[in-house]
């Protein structure tokens, strides 16, 4: 008997001007966790959209065989009917509906006269939540849950559809370490129950920890499939397959020559916008020219709130403290004044706050500094194209032209557009909030190289990251933040993951 639950044979998918997949083959064993790796834009998500019917039969070439039978999916309902369920990176939950309503949306539990039987729905939802290890009331609105719990609701929703093959696209990209570990344990339990899982992920340590087999895709083609049990899977081997070469180091080398102080923040305190509590308290730090300074902290420590409040008071209320740029105090009351003061902030959520996804590269690059292109109220379109094209080339944005819609770019290329937008404002201080979240190892290396170019040009860069190895690999100094307070400062030469974590979990001092 064939031990493959899924075979995809000779899959080719073409978009106007771009061949996204070319003769891709994938074989997934029954009851295994199969990882798919590749750089942003390699074709991973496109392949899964073909499998799940998002791209229906007739829009691609090749054959899909599921459980020994050729299948033709004309939409998602067709794939779900045979037990294939996909959970996209952007979760498809309705925040104002309850957990139970989300789980059974489109397949409501009905009683007499065709009316929804809420008792039955809530009872079944409760059982599904217990099966994924989520202790929540089924009537709780999904919007009140954190991202990790929402991910579990999505899996519970998949289980309600008698899933046999579960596809997860970057399931841990937005999760902290604890939620990620919980999710990986759940995938192991689902495997033990006979449910096959396909996982797309950039986190190579998670892939090597949980997968049975790994298929590597590069430039829309299958490179190889590696077996964990045969001892073939190492992070170095996966990287070589993904990028076509060995990365001698995860982080490009840089000589540090800090100059004069560019940014100084003194006694910065920020109150929550709606609650009676401080989210940042008495924070003081500085960044010098030609220096990369990191901010390390656990989820909820106040890292993003600190950055956004400095950036034109974009977050919080009752903000007190002082900000100096090149020794001169600045008091930006909004984002526009912060930009004028030489401060730029690249948000951690590029899709919602960093980019206009339905606009092209040209409009996104110029968005934060249109005044540089305008005369008498009109934007010079030719100059706008020239500027955007310059950044497209210098930042190595993989797109046919600056007229390409940003929403169709890979995550790594979207991040390069975000950086281009802020670099065009010519900032003195660039604050990068999770600059490599959700992008592959090759694109990360390119982002680090761009950061090195910035500091070599004398810019001051402040990096917020949840990945301690990243901070240790690119920073000169690292501040730690716990419960809104700066708890320590270490030069990178003396910093380790262990002593950083100790400072990140330091208890807030009691005030008499």
Protein backbone atom coordinates (compact mmCIF):
# COMPACT_ATOMS: atom_id res chain seq x y z
CA UNK A 1 0.00 0.00 0.00
CA UNK A 2 1.26 3.49 -0.92
CA UNK A 3 2.40 5.24 2.24
CA UNK A 4 2.00 8.69 0.66
CA UNK A 5 -1.21 10.52 1.51
CA UNK A 6 -0.31 13.29 -0.97
CA UNK A 7 1.61 13.55 -4.22
CA UNK A 8 1.90 16.69 -6.30
CA UNK A 9 3.43 15.96 -9.69
CA UNK A 10 4.87 18.43 -12.17
CA UNK A 11 3.09 21.47 -10.74
CA UNK A 12 3.67 24.60 -12.82
CA UNK A 13 1.94 27.88 -12.02
CA UNK A 14 2.39 31.07 -14.03
CA UNK A 15 1.31 34.62 -13.27
CA UNK A 16 1.57 37.42 -15.87
CA UNK A 17 5.28 37.78 -16.54
CA UNK A 18 6.34 35.43 -13.70
CA UNK A 19 6.65 31.64 -13.48
CA UNK A 20 6.00 31.08 -9.75
CA UNK A 21 6.28 27.27 -9.87
CA UNK A 22 8.04 25.10 -12.44
CA UNK A 23 7.65 21.32 -12.47
CA UNK A 24 7.45 21.04 -8.68
CA UNK A 25 7.09 17.57 -7.15
CA UNK A 26 6.08 16.91 -3.56
CA UNK A 27 5.38 13.60 -1.79
CA UNK A 28 4.04 13.66 1.78
CA UNK A 29 3.92 10.55 3.92
CA UNK A 30 0.82 9.49 5.81
CA UNK A 31 0.78 10.72 9.42
CA UNK A 32 3.98 12.80 9.26
CA UNK A 33 5.00 16.41 9.80
CA UNK A 34 6.44 17.59 6.50
CA UNK A 35 8.18 20.96 6.39
CA UNK A 36 8.54 23.12 3.29
CA UNK A 37 11.44 25.58 3.27
CA UNK A 38 12.53 28.25 0.86
CA UNK A 39 13.34 31.92 0.62
CA UNK A 40 10.55 34.49 0.38
CA UNK A 41 9.20 34.32 -3.14
CA UNK A 42 10.43 30.75 -3.69
CA UNK A 43 6.86 29.54 -4.30
CA UNK A 44 5.99 27.78 -1.03
CA UNK A 45 2.69 29.55 -0.36
CA UNK A 46 1.75 29.39 -4.06
CA UNK A 47 2.21 25.60 -3.98
CA UNK A 48 -0.05 25.30 -0.94
CA UNK A 49 -2.69 27.53 -2.55
CA UNK A 50 -2.68 25.19 -5.54
CA UNK A 51 -3.12 22.23 -3.20
CA UNK A 52 -5.97 23.79 -1.22
CA UNK A 53 -7.94 25.02 -4.24
CA UNK A 54 -7.26 28.73 -3.73
CA UNK A 55 -5.79 28.45 -7.23
CA UNK A 56 -8.33 26.07 -8.80
CA UNK A 57 -7.88 23.32 -11.34
CA UNK A 58 -7.25 24.79 -14.76
CA UNK A 59 -5.11 27.66 -13.51
CA UNK A 60 -1.99 25.47 -13.21
CA UNK A 61 -0.36 22.49 -14.90
CA UNK A 62 0.33 19.17 -13.20
CA UNK A 63 -1.49 16.57 -11.13
CA UNK A 64 -2.53 16.23 -7.49
CA UNK A 65 -3.06 12.75 -6.03
CA UNK A 66 -4.66 12.55 -2.58
CA UNK A 67 -5.03 9.23 -0.77
CA UNK A 68 -4.27 7.36 -4.00
CA UNK A 69 -6.86 9.16 -6.11
CA UNK A 70 -6.35 12.02 -8.60
CA UNK A 71 -8.23 15.11 -7.36
CA UNK A 72 -9.37 18.32 -9.03
CA UNK A 73 -10.24 21.19 -6.69
CA UNK A 74 -12.32 24.07 -8.01
CA UNK A 75 -12.21 25.92 -4.69
CA UNK A 76 -11.42 25.62 -0.99
CA UNK A 77 -14.68 23.79 -0.24
CA UNK A 78 -13.62 20.98 -2.58
CA UNK A 79 -10.31 20.45 -0.79
CA UNK A 80 -11.95 20.69 2.65
CA UNK A 81 -14.50 18.09 1.54
CA UNK A 82 -11.72 15.47 1.26
CA UNK A 83 -10.06 16.63 4.49
CA UNK A 84 -7.41 19.16 3.37
CA UNK A 85 -7.49 22.37 5.45
CA UNK A 86 -5.10 25.32 5.15
CA UNK A 87 -4.39 27.89 7.88
CA UNK A 88 -2.88 31.00 6.30
CA UNK A 89 -0.27 33.22 7.96
CA UNK A 90 -2.89 36.00 8.23
CA UNK A 91 -5.50 34.28 10.38
CA UNK A 92 -9.02 34.25 8.90
CA UNK A 93 -10.96 34.84 12.10
CA UNK A 94 -13.70 37.40 12.75
CA UNK A 95 -12.67 39.29 15.93
CA UNK A 96 -16.20 40.32 16.95
CA UNK A 97 -17.64 36.80 16.76
CA UNK A 98 -17.27 34.25 19.53
CA UNK A 99 -14.84 31.32 19.41
CA UNK A 100 -17.72 28.92 18.69
CA UNK A 101 -19.13 31.18 15.96
CA UNK A 102 -15.71 31.32 14.29
CA UNK A 103 -15.16 27.56 14.50
CA UNK A 104 -18.47 26.74 12.81
CA UNK A 105 -18.67 29.73 10.48
CA UNK A 106 -20.09 28.35 7.23
CA UNK A 107 -20.99 25.02 8.82
CA UNK A 108 -23.32 26.18 11.60
CA UNK A 109 -24.84 23.59 13.97
CA UNK A 110 -28.56 23.69 13.35
CA UNK A 111 -31.51 22.32 15.30
CA UNK A 112 -35.25 22.40 14.72
CA UNK A 113 -36.68 24.59 11.97
CA UNK A 114 -33.18 25.26 10.64
CA UNK A 115 -32.28 27.54 13.54
CA UNK A 116 -28.76 27.50 14.99
CA UNK A 117 -28.51 25.28 18.06
CA UNK A 118 -26.21 27.39 20.22
CA UNK A 119 -26.04 24.84 23.03
CA UNK A 120 -24.83 22.20 20.60
CA UNK A 121 -22.38 24.61 18.94
CA UNK A 122 -20.88 25.76 22.23
CA UNK A 123 -20.65 22.20 23.57
CA UNK A 124 -18.88 20.92 20.43
CA UNK A 125 -16.61 23.97 20.39
CA UNK A 126 -15.66 23.28 24.01
CA UNK A 127 -14.63 19.73 23.11
CA UNK A 128 -12.55 20.97 20.19
CA UNK A 129 -10.85 23.59 22.37
CA UNK A 130 -9.94 20.93 24.93
CA UNK A 131 -8.48 18.78 22.13
CA UNK A 132 -6.05 21.59 21.22
CA UNK A 133 -5.28 22.45 24.85
CA UNK A 134 -7.07 25.80 24.93
CA UNK A 135 -8.88 26.61 28.17
CA UNK A 136 -11.29 29.31 27.01
CA UNK A 137 -15.06 29.79 27.13
CA UNK A 138 -16.49 29.16 23.62
CA UNK A 139 -18.59 32.35 23.87
CA UNK A 140 -15.48 34.55 24.29
CA UNK A 141 -15.01 36.97 21.36
CA UNK A 142 -11.94 35.94 19.36
CA UNK A 143 -10.66 39.53 19.38
CA UNK A 144 -10.01 39.22 23.12
CA UNK A 145 -7.49 36.41 22.57
CA UNK A 146 -3.79 36.74 21.89
CA UNK A 147 -2.30 35.59 18.59
CA UNK A 148 -1.14 32.27 20.05
CA UNK A 149 -4.63 31.37 21.23
CA UNK A 150 -6.15 32.53 17.96
CA UNK A 151 -3.83 30.10 16.18
CA UNK A 152 -5.23 27.29 18.33
CA UNK A 153 -8.79 28.38 17.49
CA UNK A 154 -7.87 28.06 13.79
CA UNK A 155 -6.63 24.52 14.41
CA UNK A 156 -9.80 23.67 16.37
CA UNK A 157 -11.77 24.98 13.38
CA UNK A 158 -9.77 22.67 11.10
CA UNK A 159 -10.45 19.69 13.38
CA UNK A 160 -14.19 20.44 13.17
CA UNK A 161 -13.94 19.73 9.44
CA UNK A 162 -12.53 16.20 9.96
CA UNK A 163 -9.12 17.29 8.74
CA UNK A 164 -6.77 14.63 7.39
CA UNK A 165 -4.08 16.94 6.01
CA UNK A 166 -3.46 20.20 7.86
CA UNK A 167 -1.42 22.93 6.12
CA UNK A 168 0.09 25.66 8.31
CA UNK A 169 1.72 28.68 6.66
CA UNK A 170 4.23 30.30 9.04
CA UNK A 171 2.28 29.18 12.14
CA UNK A 172 4.77 30.57 14.69
CA UNK A 173 5.85 33.77 12.88
CA UNK A 174 3.99 36.07 15.27
CA UNK A 175 4.23 33.89 18.40
CA UNK A 176 6.51 34.17 21.40
CA UNK A 177 8.70 31.24 22.45
CA UNK A 178 6.14 29.81 24.90
CA UNK A 179 3.24 29.88 22.42
CA UNK A 180 5.50 28.48 19.69
CA UNK A 181 6.53 25.54 21.89
CA UNK A 182 2.88 24.87 22.75
CA UNK A 183 1.93 24.86 19.07
CA UNK A 184 4.75 22.51 18.10
CA UNK A 185 3.72 20.11 20.89
CA UNK A 186 0.18 20.20 19.49
CA UNK A 187 1.46 19.31 16.01
CA UNK A 188 3.23 16.29 17.51
CA UNK A 189 -0.03 15.22 19.20
CA UNK A 190 -1.96 15.62 15.94
CA UNK A 191 0.66 13.45 14.23
CA UNK A 192 0.17 10.81 16.91
CA UNK A 193 -3.57 10.89 16.10
CA UNK A 194 -2.78 10.14 12.45
CA UNK A 195 -3.27 13.67 11.11
CA UNK A 196 -0.70 14.66 8.50
CA UNK A 197 0.72 18.18 8.75
CA UNK A 198 2.53 20.33 6.20
CA UNK A 199 4.33 23.27 7.82
CA UNK A 200 5.86 26.25 6.02
CA UNK A 201 8.35 28.00 8.30
CA UNK A 202 11.45 30.18 8.26
CA UNK A 203 12.41 29.10 11.78
CA UNK A 204 14.94 26.40 11.01
CA UNK A 205 15.39 25.39 14.65
CA UNK A 206 11.67 24.56 14.83
CA UNK A 207 11.79 22.63 11.57
CA UNK A 208 14.68 20.45 12.74
CA UNK A 209 12.93 19.91 16.09
CA UNK A 210 9.52 18.78 14.88
CA UNK A 211 9.64 17.62 11.23
CA UNK A 212 9.96 14.12 9.79
CA UNK A 213 10.89 15.29 6.29
CA UNK A 214 11.84 18.63 4.76
CA UNK A 215 11.34 19.69 1.14
CA UNK A 216 13.40 22.65 -0.04
CA UNK A 217 12.10 24.90 -2.84
CA UNK A 218 14.24 27.50 -4.60
CA UNK A 219 13.11 29.85 -7.38
CA UNK A 220 9.90 27.90 -7.94
CA UNK A 221 11.61 24.52 -8.30
CA UNK A 222 12.04 21.53 -6.00
CA UNK A 223 15.65 21.27 -4.81
CA UNK A 224 15.52 18.19 -2.59
CA UNK A 225 13.61 16.37 0.14
CA UNK A 226 15.57 15.51 3.27
CA UNK A 227 14.74 12.92 5.93
CA UNK A 228 15.22 13.84 9.57
CA UNK A 229 15.27 10.17 10.59
CA UNK A 230 18.08 9.46 8.12
CA UNK A 231 20.14 12.22 9.75
CA UNK A 232 20.13 14.35 6.60
CA UNK A 233 18.60 17.48 8.11
CA UNK A 234 20.81 20.21 9.50
CA UNK A 235 20.22 23.94 9.46
CA UNK A 236 23.33 24.41 7.30
CA UNK A 237 22.08 21.85 4.74
CA UNK A 238 18.65 23.53 4.55
CA UNK A 239 20.22 26.99 4.11
CA UNK A 240 22.48 25.70 1.33
CA UNK A 241 19.43 24.32 -0.47
CA UNK A 242 17.41 27.50 0.05
CA UNK A 243 19.95 30.08 -1.09
CA UNK A 244 22.11 27.94 -3.38
CA UNK A 245 25.24 28.53 -1.36
CA UNK A 246 26.66 28.25 2.14
CA UNK A 247 26.15 31.25 4.40
CA UNK A 248 29.52 31.45 6.09
CA UNK A 249 27.92 33.48 8.85
CA UNK A 250 24.31 34.30 9.67
CA UNK A 251 25.40 37.89 10.27
CA UNK A 252 27.67 39.95 7.99
CA UNK A 253 30.81 41.27 9.61
CA UNK A 254 31.00 44.94 10.54
CA UNK A 255 33.64 47.06 12.17
CA UNK A 256 32.13 49.32 14.82
CA UNK A 257 33.29 52.94 14.98
CA UNK A 258 30.63 54.84 17.00
CA UNK A 259 30.79 58.60 16.75
CA UNK A 260 28.97 61.42 18.51
CA UNK A 261 25.70 60.91 20.30
CA UNK A 262 22.71 61.26 17.94
CA UNK A 263 19.70 60.25 20.04
CA UNK A 264 19.22 60.64 23.77
CA UNK A 265 16.01 59.77 25.63
CA UNK A 266 15.71 60.82 29.27
CA UNK A 267 13.23 59.66 31.91
CA UNK A 268 10.61 58.65 29.32
CA UNK A 269 7.25 57.63 30.80
CA UNK A 270 4.16 56.57 28.85
CA UNK A 271 0.66 55.74 30.10
CA UNK A 272 -1.61 53.22 28.42
CA UNK A 273 -4.08 54.99 26.09
CA UNK A 274 -7.21 53.61 27.82
CA UNK A 275 -6.09 51.94 31.06
CA UNK A 276 -4.79 53.54 34.26
CA UNK A 277 -1.29 52.07 34.11
CA UNK A 278 2.19 52.92 32.88
CA UNK A 279 3.54 50.91 29.96
CA UNK A 280 6.93 52.67 29.94
CA UNK A 281 8.42 54.11 33.12
CA UNK A 282 11.49 56.32 33.45
CA UNK A 283 13.32 54.90 30.43
CA UNK A 284 16.64 56.52 29.55
CA UNK A 285 19.05 55.48 26.78
CA UNK A 286 21.20 56.86 23.97
CA UNK A 287 22.38 55.89 20.49
CA UNK A 288 25.50 57.21 18.74
CA UNK A 289 26.29 57.75 15.08
CA UNK A 290 27.51 54.59 13.36
CA UNK A 291 26.08 52.41 16.12
CA UNK A 292 23.43 49.67 16.24
CA UNK A 293 21.74 49.53 19.64
CA UNK A 294 19.30 46.76 20.54
CA UNK A 295 16.25 46.69 22.77
CA UNK A 296 15.57 43.24 24.22
CA UNK A 297 12.45 42.35 26.18
CA UNK A 298 9.75 39.75 26.50
CA UNK A 299 6.31 40.17 24.92
CA UNK A 300 4.46 42.90 26.83
CA UNK A 301 7.64 44.52 28.16
CA UNK A 302 6.80 47.79 26.40
CA UNK A 303 9.34 47.72 23.53
CA UNK A 304 6.98 48.76 20.73
CA UNK A 305 5.16 51.21 23.00
CA UNK A 306 8.50 52.87 23.80
CA UNK A 307 9.40 53.20 20.12
CA UNK A 308 5.99 54.42 18.95
CA UNK A 309 5.71 57.01 21.71
CA UNK A 310 9.11 58.48 20.78
CA UNK A 311 8.00 58.56 17.15
CA UNK A 312 5.72 61.58 17.39
CA UNK A 313 3.66 60.27 20.31
CA UNK A 314 2.07 57.69 18.01
CA UNK A 315 1.14 55.66 21.10
CA UNK A 316 0.06 56.40 24.66
CA UNK A 317 -0.99 59.43 26.73
CA UNK A 318 0.39 61.59 29.52
CA UNK A 319 3.84 61.15 28.00
CA UNK A 320 6.67 62.79 29.92
CA UNK A 321 10.41 62.89 29.45
CA UNK A 322 12.85 64.49 27.01
CA UNK A 323 14.21 63.55 23.58
CA UNK A 324 17.40 65.01 22.11
CA UNK A 325 18.66 64.69 18.53
CA UNK A 326 22.29 65.80 18.10
CA UNK A 327 22.13 67.45 21.53
CA UNK A 328 19.10 69.59 20.70
CA UNK A 329 15.83 68.86 22.46
CA UNK A 330 12.98 67.97 20.09
CA UNK A 331 9.31 67.81 20.99
CA UNK A 332 7.47 66.19 18.08
CA UNK A 333 3.72 66.21 18.68
CA UNK A 334 2.90 63.92 15.79
CA UNK A 335 4.51 61.63 13.20
CA UNK A 336 5.11 64.41 10.67
CA UNK A 337 7.04 66.45 13.26
CA UNK A 338 9.03 63.36 14.28
CA UNK A 339 10.07 62.86 10.64
CA UNK A 340 11.06 66.53 10.43
CA UNK A 341 13.14 66.04 13.59
CA UNK A 342 15.11 63.26 11.89
CA UNK A 343 13.41 60.24 13.50
CA UNK A 344 12.02 57.32 11.48
CA UNK A 345 10.20 54.23 12.75
CA UNK A 346 9.71 51.02 10.76
CA UNK A 347 6.80 49.21 12.42
CA UNK A 348 6.78 45.52 13.36
CA UNK A 349 3.47 45.10 11.45
CA UNK A 350 4.43 46.03 7.90
CA UNK A 351 1.19 44.75 6.34
CA UNK A 352 -1.14 46.85 8.51
CA UNK A 353 0.88 49.94 9.39
CA UNK A 354 4.03 49.99 7.29
CA UNK A 355 2.71 49.67 3.74
CA UNK A 356 -0.26 50.40 1.52
CA UNK A 357 -0.63 46.89 0.09
CA UNK A 358 -2.89 47.89 -2.80
CA UNK A 359 -0.46 50.56 -4.02
CA UNK A 360 2.73 50.08 -6.02
CA UNK A 361 6.35 50.33 -4.91
CA UNK A 362 6.67 53.90 -6.21
CA UNK A 363 3.85 55.29 -4.06
CA UNK A 364 4.97 53.40 -0.97
CA UNK A 365 8.59 54.59 -1.20
CA UNK A 366 7.58 58.24 -1.52
CA UNK A 367 4.73 58.17 1.01
CA UNK A 368 6.63 59.50 4.05
CA UNK A 369 8.44 62.32 2.21
CA UNK A 370 6.15 63.58 -0.54
CA UNK A 371 7.20 67.13 0.26
CA UNK A 372 10.60 66.35 -1.30
CA UNK A 373 8.86 65.61 -4.60
CA UNK A 374 6.14 68.25 -4.55
CA UNK A 375 6.01 71.72 -6.00
CA UNK A 376 3.00 74.02 -5.64
CA UNK A 377 0.90 71.12 -4.39
CA UNK A 378 1.75 68.73 -7.24
CA UNK A 379 3.98 65.65 -7.05
CA UNK A 380 6.59 65.28 -9.77
CA UNK A 381 5.69 61.79 -11.01
CA UNK A 382 8.81 61.33 -13.09
CA UNK A 383 11.05 62.18 -10.16
CA UNK A 384 8.98 59.86 -7.93
CA UNK A 385 9.61 56.98 -10.37
CA UNK A 386 13.32 57.84 -10.51
CA UNK A 387 13.64 57.82 -6.71
CA UNK A 388 11.72 54.54 -6.30
CA UNK A 389 13.72 52.88 -9.07
CA UNK A 390 16.93 53.90 -7.34
CA UNK A 391 15.83 52.20 -4.12
CA UNK A 392 14.52 49.14 -6.00
CA UNK A 393 18.01 48.58 -7.39
CA UNK A 394 20.08 49.56 -4.34
CA UNK A 395 17.93 47.52 -1.96
CA UNK A 396 17.72 44.57 -4.39
CA UNK A 397 13.90 44.51 -4.31
CA UNK A 398 12.87 41.55 -6.47
CA UNK A 399 10.08 43.02 -8.60
CA UNK A 400 9.75 43.66 -12.35
CA UNK A 401 9.32 47.42 -11.86
CA UNK A 402 8.34 50.11 -9.37
CA UNK A 403 4.79 49.77 -10.74
CA UNK A 404 4.51 46.34 -9.04
CA UNK A 405 1.83 46.19 -6.35
CA UNK A 406 3.46 45.83 -2.92
CA UNK A 407 0.84 43.36 -1.66
CA UNK A 408 2.04 40.82 -4.22
CA UNK A 409 5.67 40.94 -3.12
CA UNK A 410 7.25 38.42 -0.76
CA UNK A 411 7.71 39.35 2.90
CA UNK A 412 11.41 40.05 2.53
CA UNK A 413 10.86 42.36 -0.43
CA UNK A 414 8.02 44.14 1.38
CA UNK A 415 10.40 44.79 4.26
CA UNK A 416 12.93 46.30 1.84
CA UNK A 417 10.21 48.65 0.55
CA UNK A 418 9.44 49.69 4.16
CA UNK A 419 13.12 50.46 4.73
CA UNK A 420 13.30 52.35 1.43
CA UNK A 421 10.36 54.52 2.48
CA UNK A 422 12.04 55.57 5.69
CA UNK A 423 15.52 55.94 4.20
CA UNK A 424 14.07 58.42 1.70
CA UNK A 425 13.13 60.69 4.63
CA UNK A 426 16.91 60.85 5.31
CA UNK A 427 16.58 60.22 9.06
CA UNK A 428 19.27 60.75 11.66
CA UNK A 429 17.80 57.96 13.79
CA UNK A 430 16.16 54.84 12.36
CA UNK A 431 14.11 52.69 14.75
CA UNK A 432 13.55 49.16 13.41
CA UNK A 433 10.85 47.15 15.18
CA UNK A 434 11.24 43.40 14.45
CA UNK A 435 12.91 44.14 11.07
CA UNK A 436 13.28 40.47 10.05
CA UNK A 437 10.03 38.98 11.37
CA UNK A 438 8.54 36.47 8.95
CA UNK A 439 11.33 36.56 6.38
CA UNK A 440 13.78 33.88 5.36
CA UNK A 441 17.42 33.50 6.25
CA UNK A 442 18.68 34.83 2.89
CA UNK A 443 16.51 37.96 3.07
CA UNK A 444 17.54 38.46 6.70
CA UNK A 445 21.18 38.55 5.64
CA UNK A 446 20.34 41.23 3.09
CA UNK A 447 18.51 43.30 5.74
CA UNK A 448 21.52 43.04 8.06
CA UNK A 449 23.77 44.19 5.19
CA UNK A 450 21.52 47.22 4.66
CA UNK A 451 21.73 48.04 8.39
CA UNK A 452 25.52 47.85 8.16
CA UNK A 453 25.47 50.26 5.21
CA UNK A 454 23.39 52.71 7.23
CA UNK A 455 25.70 52.78 10.23
CA UNK A 456 28.73 52.98 7.94
CA UNK A 457 27.13 56.17 6.59
CA UNK A 458 26.92 57.55 10.13
CA UNK A 459 23.26 56.82 10.91
CA UNK A 460 22.11 55.79 14.39
CA UNK A 461 20.05 52.58 14.36
CA UNK A 462 17.87 51.24 17.18
CA UNK A 463 16.71 47.63 16.71
CA UNK A 464 13.89 45.94 18.62
CA UNK A 465 13.88 42.16 18.24
CA UNK A 466 12.42 39.10 19.96
CA UNK A 467 15.34 37.02 18.68
CA UNK A 468 18.27 37.33 21.07
CA UNK A 469 20.77 35.72 18.64
CA UNK A 470 19.85 38.43 16.13
CA UNK A 471 20.56 41.22 18.61
CA UNK A 472 23.83 39.57 19.61
CA UNK A 473 24.78 39.21 15.95
CA UNK A 474 24.15 42.78 14.73
CA UNK A 475 24.30 45.17 17.72
CA UNK A 476 27.05 47.10 19.45
CA UNK A 477 25.14 47.52 22.71
CA UNK A 478 21.88 46.04 24.04
CA UNK A 479 19.41 47.53 26.53
CA UNK A 480 16.98 45.23 28.31
CA UNK A 481 13.40 46.18 29.08
CA UNK A 482 11.14 44.56 31.69
CA UNK A 483 7.67 45.77 32.66
CA UNK A 484 8.32 49.10 30.95
CA UNK A 485 11.62 49.82 32.74
CA UNK A 486 15.19 49.70 31.42
CA UNK A 487 16.79 46.98 33.57
CA UNK A 488 20.25 46.82 32.08
CA UNK A 489 22.74 47.78 29.38
CA UNK A 490 25.45 45.49 28.03
CA UNK A 491 28.09 45.86 25.32
CA UNK A 492 27.63 42.98 22.89
CA UNK A 493 31.04 41.59 23.83
CA UNK A 494 29.79 40.91 27.36
CA UNK A 495 26.22 39.94 26.48
CA UNK A 496 24.91 36.38 26.29
CA UNK A 497 21.43 34.99 25.84
CA UNK A 498 21.52 33.91 29.47
CA UNK A 499 22.45 37.26 31.05
CA UNK A 500 20.10 39.13 28.71
CA UNK A 501 17.24 36.85 29.71
CA UNK A 502 18.09 37.39 33.37
CA UNK A 503 17.80 41.15 32.90
CA UNK A 504 14.64 40.80 30.75
CA UNK A 505 12.89 38.93 33.56
CA UNK A 506 14.14 41.19 36.35
CA UNK A 507 11.39 42.10 38.78
CA UNK A 508 10.30 45.71 38.87
CA UNK A 509 11.72 47.39 41.95
CA UNK A 510 9.18 48.13 44.66
CA UNK A 511 8.64 51.80 45.34
CA UNK A 512 7.83 52.75 48.91
